[in-house]
Amino acid sequence: MGLTLGTLGPMTDAQAALIVRDPNICHGQATIRGTRIMVTVILDHLAAGHSENEIFEAYPTVTREAIHAAVAYAADLARDEYPAVSA
């Protein structure tokens, strides 16, 4: 069975609603809505090769949608922060 990909591109409104930045929570770092779990924590786990299920075990309040929102947030930042390099 092949991999089916959805539309790639900027994060959706639903994903954006799951990521918040509040100066009173985690010093304004991006967090998963309703938690104090920073987006960087989720990304670090994924970068270390941890599965979604392992993240769920470590952080029971995190949803699959929140994990995907964290990745979409990072992708948006990468698109914005690192424009294409011309030769």
PDB file of N, CA and C in Angstrom:
ATOM      1  N   MET A   1       0.846  -1.175   0.000  1.00  0.00           N
ATOM      2  CA  MET A   1       0.000   0.000   0.000  1.00  0.00           C
ATOM      3  C   MET A   1       0.890   1.236   0.000  1.00  0.00           C
ATOM      4  N   GLY A   2       0.613   2.181  -0.893  1.00  0.00           N
ATOM      5  CA  GLY A   2       1.432   3.379  -1.017  1.00  0.00           C
ATOM      6  C   GLY A   2       1.045   4.450  -0.021  1.00  0.00           C
ATOM      7  N   LEU A   3       1.910   5.399   0.115  1.00  0.00           N
ATOM      8  CA  LEU A   3       1.698   6.533   1.011  1.00  0.00           C
ATOM      9  C   LEU A   3       0.812   7.557   0.321  1.00  0.00           C
ATOM     10  N   THR A   4      -0.234   7.985   0.995  1.00  0.00           N
ATOM     11  CA  THR A   4      -1.116   9.008   0.457  1.00  0.00           C
ATOM     12  C   THR A   4      -0.867  10.297   1.218  1.00  0.00           C
ATOM     13  N   LEU A   5      -0.491  11.332   0.510  1.00  0.00           N
ATOM     14  CA  LEU A   5      -0.203  12.613   1.138  1.00  0.00           C
ATOM     15  C   LEU A   5      -1.353  13.570   0.914  1.00  0.00           C
ATOM     16  N   GLY A   6      -1.636  14.355   1.931  1.00  0.00           N
ATOM     17  CA  GLY A   6      -2.616  15.423   1.790  1.00  0.00           C
ATOM     18  C   GLY A   6      -1.971  16.600   1.094  1.00  0.00           C
ATOM     19  N   THR A   7      -2.671  17.692   1.054  1.00  0.00           N
ATOM     20  CA  THR A   7      -2.146  18.900   0.457  1.00  0.00           C
ATOM     21  C   THR A   7      -0.993  19.427   1.300  1.00  0.00           C
ATOM     22  N   LEU A   8       0.110  19.698   0.663  1.00  0.00           N
ATOM     23  CA  LEU A   8       1.270  20.236   1.364  1.00  0.00           C
ATOM     24  C   LEU A   8       1.236  21.753   1.262  1.00  0.00           C
ATOM     25  N   GLY A   9       1.771  22.401   2.244  1.00  0.00           N
ATOM     26  CA  GLY A   9       1.815  23.856   2.211  1.00  0.00           C
ATOM     27  C   GLY A   9       1.664  24.433   3.595  1.00  0.00           C
ATOM     28  N   PRO A  10       1.272  25.689   3.669  1.00  0.00           N
ATOM     29  CA  PRO A  10       1.146  26.355   4.966  1.00  0.00           C
ATOM     30  C   PRO A  10       0.189  25.613   5.890  1.00  0.00           C
ATOM     31  N   MET A  11       0.399  25.795   7.178  1.00  0.00           N
ATOM     32  CA  MET A  11      -0.464  25.127   8.145  1.00  0.00           C
ATOM     33  C   MET A  11      -1.897  25.602   8.009  1.00  0.00           C
ATOM     34  N   THR A  12      -2.817  24.707   8.313  1.00  0.00           N
ATOM     35  CA  THR A  12      -4.237  25.027   8.214  1.00  0.00           C
ATOM     36  C   THR A  12      -4.665  25.881   9.411  1.00  0.00           C
ATOM     37  N   ASP A  13      -5.833  26.468   9.309  1.00  0.00           N
ATOM     38  CA  ASP A  13      -6.374  27.249  10.423  1.00  0.00           C
ATOM     39  C   ASP A  13      -6.574  26.355  11.643  1.00  0.00           C
ATOM     40  N   ALA A  14      -7.013  25.117  11.416  1.00  0.00           N
ATOM     41  CA  ALA A  14      -7.222  24.182  12.530  1.00  0.00           C
ATOM     42  C   ALA A  14      -5.891  23.886  13.223  1.00  0.00           C
ATOM     43  N   GLN A  15      -4.818  23.717  12.452  1.00  0.00           N
ATOM     44  CA  GLN A  15      -3.503  23.475  13.043  1.00  0.00           C
ATOM     45  C   GLN A  15      -3.017  24.720  13.774  1.00  0.00           C
ATOM     46  N   ALA A  16      -3.198  25.879  13.170  1.00  0.00           N
ATOM     47  CA  ALA A  16      -2.750  27.128  13.799  1.00  0.00           C
ATOM     48  C   ALA A  16      -3.451  27.350  15.134  1.00  0.00           C
ATOM     49  N   ALA A  17      -4.688  26.919  15.237  1.00  0.00           N
ATOM     50  CA  ALA A  17      -5.438  27.093  16.486  1.00  0.00           C
ATOM     51  C   ALA A  17      -4.875  26.227  17.617  1.00  0.00           C
ATOM     52  N   LEU A  18      -4.112  25.195  17.271  1.00  0.00           N
ATOM     53  CA  LEU A  18      -3.546  24.310  18.289  1.00  0.00           C
ATOM     54  C   LEU A  18      -2.207  24.803  18.836  1.00  0.00           C
ATOM     55  N   ILE A  19      -1.627  25.804  18.208  1.00  0.00           N
ATOM     56  CA  ILE A  19      -0.332  26.341  18.632  1.00  0.00           C
ATOM     57  C   ILE A  19      -0.558  27.745  19.186  1.00  0.00           C
ATOM     58  N   VAL A  20      -0.073  27.993  20.393  1.00  0.00           N
ATOM     59  CA  VAL A  20      -0.239  29.312  21.007  1.00  0.00           C
ATOM     60  C   VAL A  20       1.095  29.842  21.515  1.00  0.00           C
ATOM     61  N   ARG A  21       1.185  31.167  21.546  1.00  0.00           N
ATOM     62  CA  ARG A  21       2.336  31.852  22.142  1.00  0.00           C
ATOM     63  C   ARG A  21       1.779  32.863  23.114  1.00  0.00           C
ATOM     64  N   ASP A  22       2.069  32.657  24.371  1.00  0.00           N
ATOM     65  CA  ASP A  22       1.575  33.530  25.441  1.00  0.00           C
ATOM     66  C   ASP A  22       2.769  33.890  26.309  1.00  0.00           C
ATOM     67  N   PRO A  23       3.043  35.182  26.496  1.00  0.00           N
ATOM     68  CA  PRO A  23       4.216  35.566  27.283  1.00  0.00           C
ATOM     69  C   PRO A  23       4.168  35.053  28.722  1.00  0.00           C
ATOM     70  N   ASN A  24       2.990  34.661  29.201  1.00  0.00           N
ATOM     71  CA  ASN A  24       2.856  34.149  30.562  1.00  0.00           C
ATOM     72  C   ASN A  24       2.998  32.632  30.652  1.00  0.00           C
ATOM     73  N   ILE A  25       3.165  31.981  29.527  1.00  0.00           N
ATOM     74  CA  ILE A  25       3.314  30.514  29.507  1.00  0.00           C
ATOM     75  C   ILE A  25       4.620  30.173  28.815  1.00  0.00           C
ATOM     76  N   CYS A  26       5.495  29.492  29.509  1.00  0.00           N
ATOM     77  CA  CYS A  26       6.786  29.034  28.957  1.00  0.00           C
ATOM     78  C   CYS A  26       7.554  30.172  28.292  1.00  0.00           C
ATOM     79  N   HIS A  27       7.530  31.347  28.925  1.00  0.00           N
ATOM     80  CA  HIS A  27       8.295  32.511  28.457  1.00  0.00           C
ATOM     81  C   HIS A  27       7.957  32.897  27.028  1.00  0.00           C
ATOM     82  N   GLY A  28       6.722  32.628  26.605  1.00  0.00           N
ATOM     83  CA  GLY A  28       6.302  33.019  25.269  1.00  0.00           C
ATOM     84  C   GLY A  28       6.674  32.054  24.166  1.00  0.00           C
ATOM     85  N   GLN A  29       7.278  30.926  24.522  1.00  0.00           N
ATOM     86  CA  GLN A  29       7.597  29.926  23.509  1.00  0.00           C
ATOM     87  C   GLN A  29       6.306  29.322  22.969  1.00  0.00           C
ATOM     88  N   ALA A  30       6.314  28.857  21.747  1.00  0.00           N
ATOM     89  CA  ALA A  30       5.142  28.220  21.154  1.00  0.00           C
ATOM     90  C   ALA A  30       4.846  26.926  21.909  1.00  0.00           C
ATOM     91  N   THR A  31       3.575  26.779  22.310  1.00  0.00           N
ATOM     92  CA  THR A  31       3.149  25.586  23.042  1.00  0.00           C
ATOM     93  C   THR A  31       1.902  24.996  22.395  1.00  0.00           C
ATOM     94  N   ILE A  32       1.600  23.769  22.775  1.00  0.00           N
ATOM     95  CA  ILE A  32       0.367  23.123  22.361  1.00  0.00           C
ATOM     96  C   ILE A  32      -0.757  23.719  23.215  1.00  0.00           C
ATOM     97  N   ARG A  33      -1.821  24.199  22.576  1.00  0.00           N
ATOM     98  CA  ARG A  33      -2.944  24.834  23.278  1.00  0.00           C
ATOM     99  C   ARG A  33      -3.429  23.964  24.439  1.00  0.00           C
ATOM    100  N   GLY A  34      -3.629  24.608  25.583  1.00  0.00           N
ATOM    101  CA  GLY A  34      -4.145  23.917  26.760  1.00  0.00           C
ATOM    102  C   GLY A  34      -3.102  23.157  27.549  1.00  0.00           C
ATOM    103  N   THR A  35      -1.830  23.276  27.144  1.00  0.00           N
ATOM    104  CA  THR A  35      -0.746  22.582  27.845  1.00  0.00           C
ATOM    105  C   THR A  35       0.417  23.547  28.042  1.00  0.00           C
ATOM    106  N   ARG A  36       1.420  23.069  28.720  1.00  0.00           N
ATOM    107  CA  ARG A  36       2.692  23.792  28.812  1.00  0.00           C
ATOM    108  C   ARG A  36       3.769  23.006  28.054  1.00  0.00           C
ATOM    109  N   ILE A  37       3.328  22.227  27.102  1.00  0.00           N
ATOM    110  CA  ILE A  37       4.252  21.429  26.294  1.00  0.00           C
ATOM    111  C   ILE A  37       4.667  22.269  25.090  1.00  0.00           C
ATOM    112  N   MET A  38       5.953  22.574  25.032  1.00  0.00           N
ATOM    113  CA  MET A  38       6.463  23.421  23.961  1.00  0.00           C
ATOM    114  C   MET A  38       6.560  22.642  22.651  1.00  0.00           C
ATOM    115  N   VAL A  39       6.328  23.352  21.567  1.00  0.00           N
ATOM    116  CA  VAL A  39       6.449  22.764  20.236  1.00  0.00           C
ATOM    117  C   VAL A  39       7.834  22.157  20.066  1.00  0.00           C
ATOM    118  N   THR A  40       8.853  22.818  20.589  1.00  0.00           N
ATOM    119  CA  THR A  40      10.218  22.294  20.451  1.00  0.00           C
ATOM    120  C   THR A  40      10.383  20.933  21.113  1.00  0.00           C
ATOM    121  N   VAL A  41       9.653  20.684  22.180  1.00  0.00           N
ATOM    122  CA  VAL A  41       9.727  19.384  22.848  1.00  0.00           C
ATOM    123  C   VAL A  41       9.201  18.298  21.911  1.00  0.00           C
ATOM    124  N   ILE A  42       8.074  18.573  21.274  1.00  0.00           N
ATOM    125  CA  ILE A  42       7.503  17.606  20.328  1.00  0.00           C
ATOM    126  C   ILE A  42       8.469  17.382  19.165  1.00  0.00           C
ATOM    127  N   LEU A  43       9.011  18.456  18.623  1.00  0.00           N
ATOM    128  CA  LEU A  43       9.937  18.341  17.497  1.00  0.00           C
ATOM    129  C   LEU A  43      11.207  17.601  17.893  1.00  0.00           C
ATOM    130  N   ASP A  44      11.718  17.856  19.095  1.00  0.00           N
ATOM    131  CA  ASP A  44      12.907  17.146  19.566  1.00  0.00           C
ATOM    132  C   ASP A  44      12.647  15.643  19.657  1.00  0.00           C
ATOM    133  N   HIS A  45      11.479  15.264  20.141  1.00  0.00           N
ATOM    134  CA  HIS A  45      11.136  13.840  20.219  1.00  0.00           C
ATOM    135  C   HIS A  45      11.082  13.212  18.831  1.00  0.00           C
ATOM    136  N   LEU A  46      10.442  13.911  17.906  1.00  0.00           N
ATOM    137  CA  LEU A  46      10.364  13.382  16.542  1.00  0.00           C
ATOM    138  C   LEU A  46      11.749  13.293  15.913  1.00  0.00           C
ATOM    139  N   ALA A  47      12.577  14.311  16.125  1.00  0.00           N
ATOM    140  CA  ALA A  47      13.937  14.315  15.573  1.00  0.00           C
ATOM    141  C   ALA A  47      14.780  13.176  16.154  1.00  0.00           C
ATOM    142  N   ALA A  48      14.470  12.791  17.392  1.00  0.00           N
ATOM    143  CA  ALA A  48      15.199  11.691  18.036  1.00  0.00           C
ATOM    144  C   ALA A  48      14.691  10.322  17.581  1.00  0.00           C
ATOM    145  N   GLY A  49      13.655  10.343  16.733  1.00  0.00           N
ATOM    146  CA  GLY A  49      13.147   9.081  16.200  1.00  0.00           C
ATOM    147  C   GLY A  49      12.022   8.463  17.008  1.00  0.00           C
ATOM    148  N   HIS A  50      11.499   9.205  17.972  1.00  0.00           N
ATOM    149  CA  HIS A  50      10.403   8.675  18.774  1.00  0.00           C
ATOM    150  C   HIS A  50       9.128   8.652  17.942  1.00  0.00           C
ATOM    151  N   SER A  51       8.317   7.637  18.171  1.00  0.00           N
ATOM    152  CA  SER A  51       7.056   7.510  17.453  1.00  0.00           C
ATOM    153  C   SER A  51       5.990   8.394  18.096  1.00  0.00           C
ATOM    154  N   GLU A  52       4.895   8.599  17.367  1.00  0.00           N
ATOM    155  CA  GLU A  52       3.775   9.336  17.937  1.00  0.00           C
ATOM    156  C   GLU A  52       3.287   8.630  19.205  1.00  0.00           C
ATOM    157  N   ASN A  53       3.234   7.312  19.182  1.00  0.00           N
ATOM    158  CA  ASN A  53       2.771   6.570  20.357  1.00  0.00           C
ATOM    159  C   ASN A  53       3.674   6.807  21.565  1.00  0.00           C
ATOM    160  N   GLU A  54       4.968   6.904  21.348  1.00  0.00           N
ATOM    161  CA  GLU A  54       5.880   7.194  22.454  1.00  0.00           C
ATOM    162  C   GLU A  54       5.640   8.596  23.005  1.00  0.00           C
ATOM    163  N   ILE A  55       5.339   9.536  22.127  1.00  0.00           N
ATOM    164  CA  ILE A  55       5.032  10.894  22.576  1.00  0.00           C
ATOM    165  C   ILE A  55       3.740  10.886  23.377  1.00  0.00           C
ATOM    166  N   PHE A  56       2.729  10.140  22.903  1.00  0.00           N
ATOM    167  CA  PHE A  56       1.462  10.038  23.638  1.00  0.00           C
ATOM    168  C   PHE A  56       1.680   9.468  25.035  1.00  0.00           C
ATOM    169  N   GLU A  57       2.564   8.483  25.147  1.00  0.00           N
ATOM    170  CA  GLU A  57       2.853   7.888  26.457  1.00  0.00           C
ATOM    171  C   GLU A  57       3.512   8.897  27.387  1.00  0.00           C
ATOM    172  N   ALA A  58       4.428   9.689  26.843  1.00  0.00           N
ATOM    173  CA  ALA A  58       5.145  10.668  27.659  1.00  0.00           C
ATOM    174  C   ALA A  58       4.277  11.886  27.981  1.00  0.00           C
ATOM    175  N   TYR A  59       3.400  12.252  27.056  1.00  0.00           N
ATOM    176  CA  TYR A  59       2.563  13.449  27.195  1.00  0.00           C
ATOM    177  C   TYR A  59       1.120  13.091  26.827  1.00  0.00           C
ATOM    178  N   PRO A  60       0.381  12.522  27.770  1.00  0.00           N
ATOM    179  CA  PRO A  60      -0.971  12.027  27.468  1.00  0.00           C
ATOM    180  C   PRO A  60      -1.952  13.090  26.971  1.00  0.00           C
ATOM    181  N   THR A  61      -1.674  14.358  27.221  1.00  0.00           N
ATOM    182  CA  THR A  61      -2.604  15.407  26.773  1.00  0.00           C
ATOM    183  C   THR A  61      -2.364  15.819  25.315  1.00  0.00           C
ATOM    184  N   VAL A  62      -1.313  15.312  24.712  1.00  0.00           N
ATOM    185  CA  VAL A  62      -1.003  15.648  23.324  1.00  0.00           C
ATOM    186  C   VAL A  62      -1.792  14.728  22.390  1.00  0.00           C
ATOM    187  N   THR A  63      -2.348  15.327  21.354  1.00  0.00           N
ATOM    188  CA  THR A  63      -3.105  14.567  20.364  1.00  0.00           C
ATOM    189  C   THR A  63      -2.299  14.417  19.079  1.00  0.00           C
ATOM    190  N   ARG A  64      -2.739  13.528  18.234  1.00  0.00           N
ATOM    191  CA  ARG A  64      -2.108  13.345  16.927  1.00  0.00           C
ATOM    192  C   ARG A  64      -2.174  14.663  16.143  1.00  0.00           C
ATOM    193  N   GLU A  65      -3.311  15.334  16.222  1.00  0.00           N
ATOM    194  CA  GLU A  65      -3.469  16.607  15.521  1.00  0.00           C
ATOM    195  C   GLU A  65      -2.476  17.650  16.033  1.00  0.00           C
ATOM    196  N   ALA A  66      -2.216  17.636  17.349  1.00  0.00           N
ATOM    197  CA  ALA A  66      -1.255  18.578  17.928  1.00  0.00           C
ATOM    198  C   ALA A  66       0.161  18.301  17.432  1.00  0.00           C
ATOM    199  N   ILE A  67       0.507  17.030  17.317  1.00  0.00           N
ATOM    200  CA  ILE A  67       1.833  16.669  16.788  1.00  0.00           C
ATOM    201  C   ILE A  67       1.963  17.169  15.357  1.00  0.00           C
ATOM    202  N   HIS A  68       0.948  16.936  14.558  1.00  0.00           N
ATOM    203  CA  HIS A  68       0.984  17.388  13.169  1.00  0.00           C
ATOM    204  C   HIS A  68       1.013  18.912  13.087  1.00  0.00           C
ATOM    205  N   ALA A  69       0.311  19.582  13.995  1.00  0.00           N
ATOM    206  CA  ALA A  69       0.335  21.041  14.029  1.00  0.00           C
ATOM    207  C   ALA A  69       1.733  21.550  14.375  1.00  0.00           C
ATOM    208  N   ALA A  70       2.420  20.874  15.294  1.00  0.00           N
ATOM    209  CA  ALA A  70       3.782  21.274  15.661  1.00  0.00           C
ATOM    210  C   ALA A  70       4.722  21.167  14.466  1.00  0.00           C
ATOM    211  N   VAL A  71       4.579  20.103  13.700  1.00  0.00           N
ATOM    212  CA  VAL A  71       5.421  19.926  12.514  1.00  0.00           C
ATOM    213  C   VAL A  71       5.075  20.980  11.461  1.00  0.00           C
ATOM    214  N   ALA A  72       3.789  21.243  11.267  1.00  0.00           N
ATOM    215  CA  ALA A  72       3.372  22.260  10.299  1.00  0.00           C
ATOM    216  C   ALA A  72       3.884  23.643  10.712  1.00  0.00           C
ATOM    217  N   TYR A  73       3.849  23.927  12.015  1.00  0.00           N
ATOM    218  CA  TYR A  73       4.355  25.197  12.540  1.00  0.00           C
ATOM    219  C   TYR A  73       5.850  25.329  12.215  1.00  0.00           C
ATOM    220  N   ALA A  74       6.599  24.273  12.437  1.00  0.00           N
ATOM    221  CA  ALA A  74       8.037  24.293  12.148  1.00  0.00           C
ATOM    222  C   ALA A  74       8.284  24.472  10.654  1.00  0.00           C
ATOM    223  N   ALA A  75       7.489  23.811   9.831  1.00  0.00           N
ATOM    224  CA  ALA A  75       7.644  23.946   8.382  1.00  0.00           C
ATOM    225  C   ALA A  75       7.364  25.378   7.947  1.00  0.00           C
ATOM    226  N   ASP A  76       6.325  25.987   8.524  1.00  0.00           N
ATOM    227  CA  ASP A  76       6.033  27.385   8.198  1.00  0.00           C
ATOM    228  C   ASP A  76       7.192  28.295   8.592  1.00  0.00           C
ATOM    229  N   LEU A  77       7.770  28.055   9.766  1.00  0.00           N
ATOM    230  CA  LEU A  77       8.910  28.867  10.189  1.00  0.00           C
ATOM    231  C   LEU A  77      10.093  28.682   9.247  1.00  0.00           C
ATOM    232  N   ALA A  78      10.340  27.459   8.837  1.00  0.00           N
ATOM    233  CA  ALA A  78      11.452  27.194   7.925  1.00  0.00           C
ATOM    234  C   ALA A  78      11.227  27.885   6.584  1.00  0.00           C
ATOM    235  N   ARG A  79       9.993  27.880   6.118  1.00  0.00           N
ATOM    236  CA  ARG A  79       9.684  28.565   4.855  1.00  0.00           C
ATOM    237  C   ARG A  79       9.900  30.068   4.984  1.00  0.00           C
ATOM    238  N   ASP A  80       9.498  30.626   6.115  1.00  0.00           N
ATOM    239  CA  ASP A  80       9.612  32.067   6.321  1.00  0.00           C
ATOM    240  C   ASP A  80      11.022  32.520   6.630  1.00  0.00           C
ATOM    241  N   GLU A  81      11.747  31.726   7.381  1.00  0.00           N
ATOM    242  CA  GLU A  81      13.065  32.138   7.873  1.00  0.00           C
ATOM    243  C   GLU A  81      14.182  31.909   6.866  1.00  0.00           C
ATOM    244  N   TYR A  82      14.004  30.940   5.983  1.00  0.00           N
ATOM    245  CA  TYR A  82      15.092  30.570   5.087  1.00  0.00           C
ATOM    246  C   TYR A  82      14.638  30.643   3.636  1.00  0.00           C
ATOM    247  N   PRO A  83      14.660  31.843   3.061  1.00  0.00           N
ATOM    248  CA  PRO A  83      14.246  31.963   1.657  1.00  0.00           C
ATOM    249  C   PRO A  83      15.201  31.182   0.750  1.00  0.00           C
ATOM    250  N   ALA A  84      14.719  30.897  -0.422  1.00  0.00           N
ATOM    251  CA  ALA A  84      15.539  30.157  -1.400  1.00  0.00           C
ATOM    252  C   ALA A  84      16.834  30.913  -1.664  1.00  0.00           C
ATOM    253  N   VAL A  85      17.887  30.161  -1.858  1.00  0.00           N
ATOM    254  CA  VAL A  85      19.201  30.734  -2.158  1.00  0.00           C
ATOM    255  C   VAL A  85      19.368  30.758  -3.675  1.00  0.00           C
ATOM    256  N   SER A  86      19.731  31.894  -4.219  1.00  0.00           N
ATOM    257  CA  SER A  86      19.957  31.961  -5.668  1.00  0.00           C
ATOM    258  C   SER A  86      21.438  31.789  -5.947  1.00  0.00           C
ATOM    259  N   ALA A  87      21.717  31.242  -7.092  1.00  0.00           N
ATOM    260  CA  ALA A  87      23.100  30.958  -7.473  1.00  0.00           C
ATOM    261  C   ALA A  87      23.818  32.192  -7.947  1.00  0.00           C
TER     262      ALA A  87
END
